[in-house]
C-alpha atoms as a PDB file:
ATOM      1  CA  UNK A   1       0.066   0.138  -0.375  1.00  0.00           C
ATOM      2  CA  UNK A   2       0.928   3.766  -0.731  1.00  0.00           C
ATOM      3  CA  UNK A   3       1.531   6.370   1.757  1.00  0.00           C
ATOM      4  CA  UNK A   4      -0.402   9.372   0.883  1.00  0.00           C
ATOM      5  CA  UNK A   5       1.902  11.874  -0.104  1.00  0.00           C
ATOM      6  CA  UNK A   6       1.176  15.427  -1.174  1.00  0.00           C
ATOM      7  CA  UNK A   7       1.748  14.572  -4.795  1.00  0.00           C
ATOM      8  CA  UNK A   8      -0.853  11.480  -4.875  1.00  0.00           C
ATOM      9  CA  UNK A   9      -3.332  12.433  -2.336  1.00  0.00           C
ATOM     10  CA  UNK A  10      -6.845  13.333  -3.812  1.00  0.00           C
ATOM     11  CA  UNK A  11      -7.730  16.699  -4.906  1.00  0.00           C
ATOM     12  CA  UNK A  12     -11.250  18.664  -4.924  1.00  0.00           C
ATOM     13  CA  UNK A  13     -10.190  18.586  -7.918  1.00  0.00           C
ATOM     14  CA  UNK A  14      -9.676  14.988  -9.187  1.00  0.00           C
ATOM     15  CA  UNK A  15     -11.976  13.455  -6.898  1.00  0.00           C
ATOM     16  CA  UNK A  16     -15.573  12.180  -7.567  1.00  0.00           C
ATOM     17  CA  UNK A  17     -18.087  11.222  -4.944  1.00  0.00           C
ATOM     18  CA  UNK A  18     -21.161   8.518  -5.431  1.00  0.00           C
ATOM     19  CA  UNK A  19     -23.893  10.155  -3.615  1.00  0.00           C
ATOM     20  CA  UNK A  20     -26.823   7.033  -2.882  1.00  0.00           C
ATOM     21  CA  UNK A  21     -30.550   8.334  -2.850  1.00  0.00           C
ATOM     22  CA  UNK A  22     -31.975  11.974  -4.450  1.00  0.00           C
ATOM     23  CA  UNK A  23     -33.721  13.024  -0.704  1.00  0.00           C
ATOM     24  CA  UNK A  24     -33.113  15.720   0.966  1.00  0.00           C
ATOM     25  CA  UNK A  25     -29.849  14.368   2.571  1.00  0.00           C
ATOM     26  CA  UNK A  26     -28.356  12.922  -0.372  1.00  0.00           C
ATOM     27  CA  UNK A  27     -28.922  16.231  -2.764  1.00  0.00           C
ATOM     28  CA  UNK A  28     -28.197  18.693   0.127  1.00  0.00           C
ATOM     29  CA  UNK A  29     -24.523  16.399   0.458  1.00  0.00           C
ATOM     30  CA  UNK A  30     -24.154  16.563  -3.387  1.00  0.00           C
ATOM     31  CA  UNK A  31     -25.083  20.451  -2.971  1.00  0.00           C
ATOM     32  CA  UNK A  32     -21.948  21.140  -0.388  1.00  0.00           C
ATOM     33  CA  UNK A  33     -20.121  18.806  -2.193  1.00  0.00           C
ATOM     34  CA  UNK A  34     -20.431  20.870  -4.747  1.00  0.00           C
ATOM     35  CA  UNK A  35     -19.913  23.883  -3.421  1.00  0.00           C
ATOM     36  CA  UNK A  36     -16.617  22.774  -2.051  1.00  0.00           C
ATOM     37  CA  UNK A  37     -15.574  21.613  -5.733  1.00  0.00           C
ATOM     38  CA  UNK A  38     -15.732  17.760  -5.594  1.00  0.00           C
ATOM     39  CA  UNK A  39     -17.984  16.509  -8.614  1.00  0.00           C
ATOM     40  CA  UNK A  40     -20.809  13.618  -7.418  1.00  0.00           C
ATOM     41  CA  UNK A  41     -23.230  11.862  -9.095  1.00  0.00           C
ATOM     42  CA  UNK A  42     -26.100  10.822  -7.619  1.00  0.00           C
ATOM     43  CA  UNK A  43     -28.318   7.741  -8.078  1.00  0.00           C
ATOM     44  CA  UNK A  44     -31.696   7.555  -7.191  1.00  0.00           C
ATOM     45  CA  UNK A  45     -33.893   4.109  -7.450  1.00  0.00           C
ATOM     46  CA  UNK A  46     -37.194   6.280  -8.279  1.00  0.00           C
ATOM     47  CA  UNK A  47     -38.004   8.255 -11.570  1.00  0.00           C
ATOM     48  CA  UNK A  48     -38.241  10.870  -9.409  1.00  0.00           C
ATOM     49  CA  UNK A  49     -35.852  13.099  -6.541  1.00  0.00           C
ATOM     50  CA  UNK A  50     -37.592  13.497  -3.361  1.00  0.00           C
ATOM     51  CA  UNK A  51     -37.007  10.463  -1.615  1.00  0.00           C
ATOM     52  CA  UNK A  52     -39.661   9.796   1.097  1.00  0.00           C
ATOM     53  CA  UNK A  53     -40.507  13.526   0.850  1.00  0.00           C
ATOM     54  CA  UNK A  54     -42.283  13.431  -2.449  1.00  0.00           C
ATOM     55  CA  UNK A  55     -46.015  12.872  -2.948  1.00  0.00           C
ATOM     56  CA  UNK A  56     -47.279  10.363  -5.804  1.00  0.00           C
ATOM     57  CA  UNK A  57     -50.080   9.978  -7.402  1.00  0.00           C
ATOM     58  CA  UNK A  58     -52.330   6.576  -8.054  1.00  0.00           C
ATOM     59  CA  UNK A  59     -55.842   6.292  -9.139  1.00  0.00           C
ATOM     60  CA  UNK A  60     -55.871  10.051  -9.727  1.00  0.00           C
ATOM     61  CA  UNK A  61     -55.428  10.365  -5.686  1.00  0.00           C
ATOM     62  CA  UNK A  62     -52.381  12.466  -4.107  1.00  0.00           C
ATOM     63  CA  UNK A  63     -50.290  10.463  -1.471  1.00  0.00           C
ATOM     64  CA  UNK A  64     -48.028  12.069   0.503  1.00  0.00           C
ATOM     65  CA  UNK A  65     -44.900   9.364   1.117  1.00  0.00           C
ATOM     66  CA  UNK A  66     -43.448  11.746   3.637  1.00  0.00           C
ATOM     67  CA  UNK A  67     -42.844  15.086   5.108  1.00  0.00           C
ATOM     68  CA  UNK A  68     -42.604  18.004   3.185  1.00  0.00           C
ATOM     69  CA  UNK A  69     -42.287  20.325   5.888  1.00  0.00           C
ATOM     70  CA  UNK A  70     -38.779  20.966   7.322  1.00  0.00           C
ATOM     71  CA  UNK A  71     -38.193  21.903  10.933  1.00  0.00           C
ATOM     72  CA  UNK A  72     -35.275  23.569  12.590  1.00  0.00           C
ATOM     73  CA  UNK A  73     -33.741  25.476  15.534  1.00  0.00           C
ATOM     74  CA  UNK A  74     -30.719  25.156  13.734  1.00  0.00           C
ATOM     75  CA  UNK A  75     -29.357  29.228  12.645  1.00  0.00           C
ATOM     76  CA  UNK A  76     -27.257  26.820   9.551  1.00  0.00           C
ATOM     77  CA  UNK A  77     -29.385  24.604   8.895  1.00  0.00           C
ATOM     78  CA  UNK A  78     -32.102  27.453   8.283  1.00  0.00           C
ATOM     79  CA  UNK A  79     -29.303  29.197   5.915  1.00  0.00           C
ATOM     80  CA  UNK A  80     -28.561  26.481   4.223  1.00  0.00           C
ATOM     81  CA  UNK A  81     -32.434  26.580   3.157  1.00  0.00           C
ATOM     82  CA  UNK A  82     -32.342  30.426   1.845  1.00  0.00           C
ATOM     83  CA  UNK A  83     -29.964  29.956  -0.241  1.00  0.00           C
ATOM     84  CA  UNK A  84     -31.160  26.766  -2.289  1.00  0.00           C
ATOM     85  CA  UNK A  85     -34.573  28.336  -2.391  1.00  0.00           C
ATOM     86  CA  UNK A  86     -35.923  31.703  -4.235  1.00  0.00           C
ATOM     87  CA  UNK A  87     -37.149  33.537  -1.474  1.00  0.00           C
ATOM     88  CA  UNK A  88     -40.902  33.515  -2.516  1.00  0.00           C
ATOM     89  CA  UNK A  89     -40.630  29.205  -2.556  1.00  0.00           C
ATOM     90  CA  UNK A  90     -39.872  29.585   0.823  1.00  0.00           C
ATOM     91  CA  UNK A  91     -42.477  29.646   3.133  1.00  0.00           C
ATOM     92  CA  UNK A  92     -42.315  29.859   6.940  1.00  0.00           C
ATOM     93  CA  UNK A  93     -45.180  28.435   8.715  1.00  0.00           C
ATOM     94  CA  UNK A  94     -45.823  27.844  12.548  1.00  0.00           C
ATOM     95  CA  UNK A  95     -45.004  24.280  13.295  1.00  0.00           C
ATOM     96  CA  UNK A  96     -48.891  22.258  13.648  1.00  0.00           C
ATOM     97  CA  UNK A  97     -49.586  18.822  12.217  1.00  0.00           C
ATOM     98  CA  UNK A  98     -53.146  17.514  12.409  1.00  0.00           C
ATOM     99  CA  UNK A  99     -55.636  14.905  10.408  1.00  0.00           C
ATOM    100  CA  UNK A 100     -58.507  15.886   9.376  1.00  0.00           C
ATOM    101  CA  UNK A 101     -60.570  12.635   9.289  1.00  0.00           C
ATOM    102  CA  UNK A 102     -64.878  12.744  10.381  1.00  0.00           C
ATOM    103  CA  UNK A 103     -65.047  16.562  10.192  1.00  0.00           C
ATOM    104  CA  UNK A 104     -62.185  16.515  13.116  1.00  0.00           C
ATOM    105  CA  UNK A 105     -58.868  17.687  13.707  1.00  0.00           C
ATOM    106  CA  UNK A 106     -56.816  15.098  15.191  1.00  0.00           C
ATOM    107  CA  UNK A 107     -53.577  15.813  17.081  1.00  0.00           C
ATOM    108  CA  UNK A 108     -50.005  14.547  15.616  1.00  0.00           C
ATOM    109  CA  UNK A 109     -48.829  12.348  16.953  1.00  0.00           C
ATOM    110  CA  UNK A 110     -51.758  10.539  17.870  1.00  0.00           C
ATOM    111  CA  UNK A 111     -53.122  11.491  21.639  1.00  0.00           C
ATOM    112  CA  UNK A 112     -54.502   8.788  22.874  1.00  0.00           C
ATOM    113  CA  UNK A 113     -57.314  11.145  24.986  1.00  0.00           C
ATOM    114  CA  UNK A 114     -57.128  13.442  21.470  1.00  0.00           C
ATOM    115  CA  UNK A 115     -58.663  10.574  19.279  1.00  0.00           C
ATOM    116  CA  UNK A 116     -61.009   9.028  21.709  1.00  0.00           C
ATOM    117  CA  UNK A 117     -62.844  12.764  22.524  1.00  0.00           C
ATOM    118  CA  UNK A 118     -62.481  13.035  18.571  1.00  0.00           C
ATOM    119  CA  UNK A 119     -63.888   9.270  17.744  1.00  0.00           C
ATOM    120  CA  UNK A 120     -66.740   8.757  20.403  1.00  0.00           C
ATOM    121  CA  UNK A 121     -66.646   5.725  22.600  1.00  0.00           C
ATOM    122  CA  UNK A 122     -68.256   3.399  19.814  1.00  0.00           C
ATOM    123  CA  UNK A 123     -65.310   4.727  16.717  1.00  0.00           C
ATOM    124  CA  UNK A 124     -62.524   4.293  19.458  1.00  0.00           C
ATOM    125  CA  UNK A 125     -63.613   0.697  20.126  1.00  0.00           C
ATOM    126  CA  UNK A 126     -63.947  -0.001  16.573  1.00  0.00           C
ATOM    127  CA  UNK A 127     -60.430   0.967  15.370  1.00  0.00           C
ATOM    128  CA  UNK A 128     -58.939  -0.358  17.910  1.00  0.00           C
ATOM    129  CA  UNK A 129     -60.822  -3.639  17.276  1.00  0.00           C
ATOM    130  CA  UNK A 130     -59.806  -3.160  13.458  1.00  0.00           C
ATOM    131  CA  UNK A 131     -56.759  -3.024  14.525  1.00  0.00           C
ATOM    132  CA  UNK A 132     -56.244  -6.032  16.944  1.00  0.00           C
ATOM    133  CA  UNK A 133     -58.164  -7.665  14.238  1.00  0.00           C
ATOM    134  CA  UNK A 134     -55.533  -6.769  11.267  1.00  0.00           C
ATOM    135  CA  UNK A 135     -52.653  -8.502  13.308  1.00  0.00           C
ATOM    136  CA  UNK A 136     -54.193 -11.563  14.360  1.00  0.00           C
ATOM    137  CA  UNK A 137     -54.771 -12.352  10.367  1.00  0.00           C
ATOM    138  CA  UNK A 138     -53.335 -10.412   8.288  1.00  0.00           C
ATOM    139  CA  UNK A 139     -54.078  -9.352   5.033  1.00  0.00           C
ATOM    140  CA  UNK A 140     -52.923 -12.047   2.187  1.00  0.00           C
ATOM    141  CA  UNK A 141     -51.652  -9.695  -0.283  1.00  0.00           C
ATOM    142  CA  UNK A 142     -50.811  -6.134   0.545  1.00  0.00           C
ATOM    143  CA  UNK A 143     -49.543  -3.347  -1.934  1.00  0.00           C
ATOM    144  CA  UNK A 144     -47.213  -0.772  -1.264  1.00  0.00           C
ATOM    145  CA  UNK A 145     -47.451   3.243  -3.155  1.00  0.00           C
ATOM    146  CA  UNK A 146     -43.679   2.275  -4.172  1.00  0.00           C
END
């Protein structure tokens, strides 16, 4: 094995880094590498970028695969977002996640008391029974959106 020397050490100009995945982390890694003068190639298994932070369309409906909001208290991360996104595309919103079901809003992450009050006792028992039934007798063929 050859010991690294200044003559044979890799430099930013001759490095090519392989980034696996074109989700937010992979795209950010490639962006930061490029800013440092390091070329990268991104490999993505899907047809579109976004990782789990994207939406897919199926049977005329759009489904969110994962989160579309990013929350940080780290100034450097927020500065990076402002560097990447134009101001007109960067929307600041208060952090609040809820599920709208049956005409009511449910806290997310789910809080048992909130869910019980919103569902009512009969629907809550039906939900619990359904969850238990699926564990006892899982469906034979399960389809995913991926």
